[in-house]
Amino acid sequence: MADARSTLLEGQKRGLHVVDLARMLLLIVGLYLMCGAMVGVPFVLWGVGRIDPAAHHAPWTFRLLILPGSVALWPWMAMLWRRTGRRETRP
């Protein structure tokens, strides 16, 4: 009987660690997506035209279509946007 209780308590302790790990993972994913939204929305509104001149006068439906990808790939989009901004400012 004592062995069953100790096994149950060990399982509960391990379960708490799994829950903490899941919370941490969700927090990291949430922060990543929040940063992605903060970069992705301005990128879709203003930055996509700088990277691709053909998308400069794209309709809002196109911009809405590329928004999820821009949010998910925000580090790469920010890097591209930053590089194209530098090229335009040089004489």
C-alpha atoms as a PDB file:
ATOM      1  CA  MET A   1       0.000   0.000   0.000  1.00  0.00           C
ATOM      2  CA  ALA A   2       2.843   2.385   0.813  1.00  0.00           C
ATOM      3  CA  ASP A   3       4.446   1.647  -2.551  1.00  0.00           C
ATOM      4  CA  ALA A   4       1.246   2.568  -4.375  1.00  0.00           C
ATOM      5  CA  ARG A   5       1.020   5.897  -2.517  1.00  0.00           C
ATOM      6  CA  SER A   6       4.634   6.788  -3.209  1.00  0.00           C
ATOM      7  CA  THR A   7       4.189   5.917  -6.888  1.00  0.00           C
ATOM      8  CA  LEU A   8       1.049   8.068  -7.024  1.00  0.00           C
ATOM      9  CA  LEU A   9       2.825  11.000  -5.358  1.00  0.00           C
ATOM     10  CA  GLU A  10       5.778  10.688  -7.753  1.00  0.00           C
ATOM     11  CA  GLY A  11       3.365  10.670 -10.672  1.00  0.00           C
ATOM     12  CA  GLN A  12       1.654  13.814  -9.377  1.00  0.00           C
ATOM     13  CA  LYS A  13       4.996  15.570  -8.945  1.00  0.00           C
ATOM     14  CA  ARG A  14       6.010  14.599 -12.464  1.00  0.00           C
ATOM     15  CA  GLY A  15       2.612  15.766 -13.737  1.00  0.00           C
ATOM     16  CA  LEU A  16       3.191  19.184 -12.244  1.00  0.00           C
ATOM     17  CA  HIS A  17       6.457  19.425 -14.136  1.00  0.00           C
ATOM     18  CA  VAL A  18       4.703  18.502 -17.362  1.00  0.00           C
ATOM     19  CA  VAL A  19       2.058  21.151 -16.727  1.00  0.00           C
ATOM     20  CA  ASP A  20       4.756  23.730 -16.007  1.00  0.00           C
ATOM     21  CA  LEU A  21       6.550  22.741 -19.195  1.00  0.00           C
ATOM     22  CA  ALA A  22       3.322  23.039 -21.189  1.00  0.00           C
ATOM     23  CA  ARG A  23       2.635  26.475 -19.696  1.00  0.00           C
ATOM     24  CA  MET A  24       6.143  27.630 -20.531  1.00  0.00           C
ATOM     25  CA  LEU A  25       5.817  26.346 -24.089  1.00  0.00           C
ATOM     26  CA  LEU A  26       2.481  28.122 -24.528  1.00  0.00           C
ATOM     27  CA  LEU A  27       3.964  31.315 -23.116  1.00  0.00           C
ATOM     28  CA  ILE A  28       6.886  31.163 -25.560  1.00  0.00           C
ATOM     29  CA  VAL A  29       4.586  30.471 -28.517  1.00  0.00           C
ATOM     30  CA  GLY A  30       2.261  33.271 -27.417  1.00  0.00           C
ATOM     31  CA  LEU A  31       5.117  35.752 -27.132  1.00  0.00           C
ATOM     32  CA  TYR A  32       6.438  34.694 -30.534  1.00  0.00           C
ATOM     33  CA  LEU A  33       3.021  35.205 -32.133  1.00  0.00           C
ATOM     34  CA  MET A  34       2.551  38.541 -30.374  1.00  0.00           C
ATOM     35  CA  CYS A  35       5.889  39.743 -31.749  1.00  0.00           C
ATOM     36  CA  GLY A  36       4.847  38.333 -35.109  1.00  0.00           C
ATOM     37  CA  ALA A  37       1.647  40.350 -35.069  1.00  0.00           C
ATOM     38  CA  MET A  38       3.562  43.479 -34.096  1.00  0.00           C
ATOM     39  CA  VAL A  39       5.892  43.015 -37.082  1.00  0.00           C
ATOM     40  CA  GLY A  40       3.519  41.254 -39.484  1.00  0.00           C
ATOM     41  CA  VAL A  41       0.693  43.792 -39.560  1.00  0.00           C
ATOM     42  CA  PRO A  42       2.903  46.808 -40.369  1.00  0.00           C
ATOM     43  CA  PHE A  43       4.843  44.653 -42.821  1.00  0.00           C
ATOM     44  CA  VAL A  44       1.669  43.683 -44.669  1.00  0.00           C
ATOM     45  CA  LEU A  45       0.426  47.280 -44.695  1.00  0.00           C
ATOM     46  CA  TRP A  46       3.656  49.063 -45.682  1.00  0.00           C
ATOM     47  CA  GLY A  47       6.634  46.718 -46.017  1.00  0.00           C
ATOM     48  CA  VAL A  48       5.459  44.261 -48.647  1.00  0.00           C
ATOM     49  CA  GLY A  49       5.463  46.996 -51.285  1.00  0.00           C
ATOM     50  CA  ARG A  50       9.108  47.754 -50.570  1.00  0.00           C
ATOM     51  CA  ILE A  51      10.180  44.127 -50.867  1.00  0.00           C
ATOM     52  CA  ASP A  52       8.101  43.323 -53.947  1.00  0.00           C
ATOM     53  CA  PRO A  53       7.187  46.267 -56.194  1.00  0.00           C
ATOM     54  CA  ALA A  54       4.471  44.165 -57.840  1.00  0.00           C
ATOM     55  CA  ALA A  55       2.725  43.933 -54.463  1.00  0.00           C
ATOM     56  CA  HIS A  56       2.807  47.692 -53.925  1.00  0.00           C
ATOM     57  CA  HIS A  57      -0.729  48.187 -55.251  1.00  0.00           C
ATOM     58  CA  ALA A  58      -2.024  44.771 -54.206  1.00  0.00           C
ATOM     59  CA  PRO A  59      -5.628  44.592 -52.978  1.00  0.00           C
ATOM     60  CA  TRP A  60      -6.451  44.113 -49.328  1.00  0.00           C
ATOM     61  CA  THR A  61      -7.449  40.485 -50.013  1.00  0.00           C
ATOM     62  CA  PHE A  62      -3.866  39.682 -51.048  1.00  0.00           C
ATOM     63  CA  ARG A  63      -2.526  41.397 -47.954  1.00  0.00           C
ATOM     64  CA  LEU A  64      -4.982  39.488 -45.775  1.00  0.00           C
ATOM     65  CA  LEU A  65      -3.854  36.274 -47.457  1.00  0.00           C
ATOM     66  CA  ILE A  66      -0.162  36.823 -46.666  1.00  0.00           C
ATOM     67  CA  LEU A  67      -0.755  38.031 -43.087  1.00  0.00           C
ATOM     68  CA  PRO A  68      -0.599  34.583 -41.381  1.00  0.00           C
ATOM     69  CA  GLY A  69       2.661  33.765 -43.132  1.00  0.00           C
ATOM     70  CA  SER A  70       4.079  37.163 -42.227  1.00  0.00           C
ATOM     71  CA  VAL A  71       3.181  36.621 -38.591  1.00  0.00           C
ATOM     72  CA  ALA A  72       4.656  33.112 -38.546  1.00  0.00           C
ATOM     73  CA  LEU A  73       7.856  34.100 -40.369  1.00  0.00           C
ATOM     74  CA  TRP A  74       8.257  37.509 -38.754  1.00  0.00           C
ATOM     75  CA  PRO A  75      12.024  37.341 -38.085  1.00  0.00           C
ATOM     76  CA  TRP A  76      12.719  36.690 -41.751  1.00  0.00           C
ATOM     77  CA  MET A  77      10.210  39.335 -42.898  1.00  0.00           C
ATOM     78  CA  ALA A  78      11.731  41.907 -40.552  1.00  0.00           C
ATOM     79  CA  MET A  79      15.200  41.114 -41.873  1.00  0.00           C
ATOM     80  CA  LEU A  80      14.073  41.476 -45.495  1.00  0.00           C
ATOM     81  CA  TRP A  81      12.204  44.688 -44.743  1.00  0.00           C
ATOM     82  CA  ARG A  82      15.223  46.119 -42.955  1.00  0.00           C
ATOM     83  CA  ARG A  83      17.583  45.220 -45.824  1.00  0.00           C
ATOM     84  CA  THR A  84      15.344  46.788 -48.468  1.00  0.00           C
ATOM     85  CA  GLY A  85      14.942  49.916 -46.360  1.00  0.00           C
ATOM     86  CA  ARG A  86      18.715  50.310 -46.239  1.00  0.00           C
ATOM     87  CA  ARG A  87      19.051  49.958 -50.004  1.00  0.00           C
ATOM     88  CA  GLU A  88      16.415  52.629 -50.660  1.00  0.00           C
ATOM     89  CA  THR A  89      18.050  55.180 -48.352  1.00  0.00           C
ATOM     90  CA  ARG A  90      21.493  54.943 -49.986  1.00  0.00           C
ATOM     91  CA  PRO A  91      22.243  57.404 -52.809  1.00  0.00           C
END
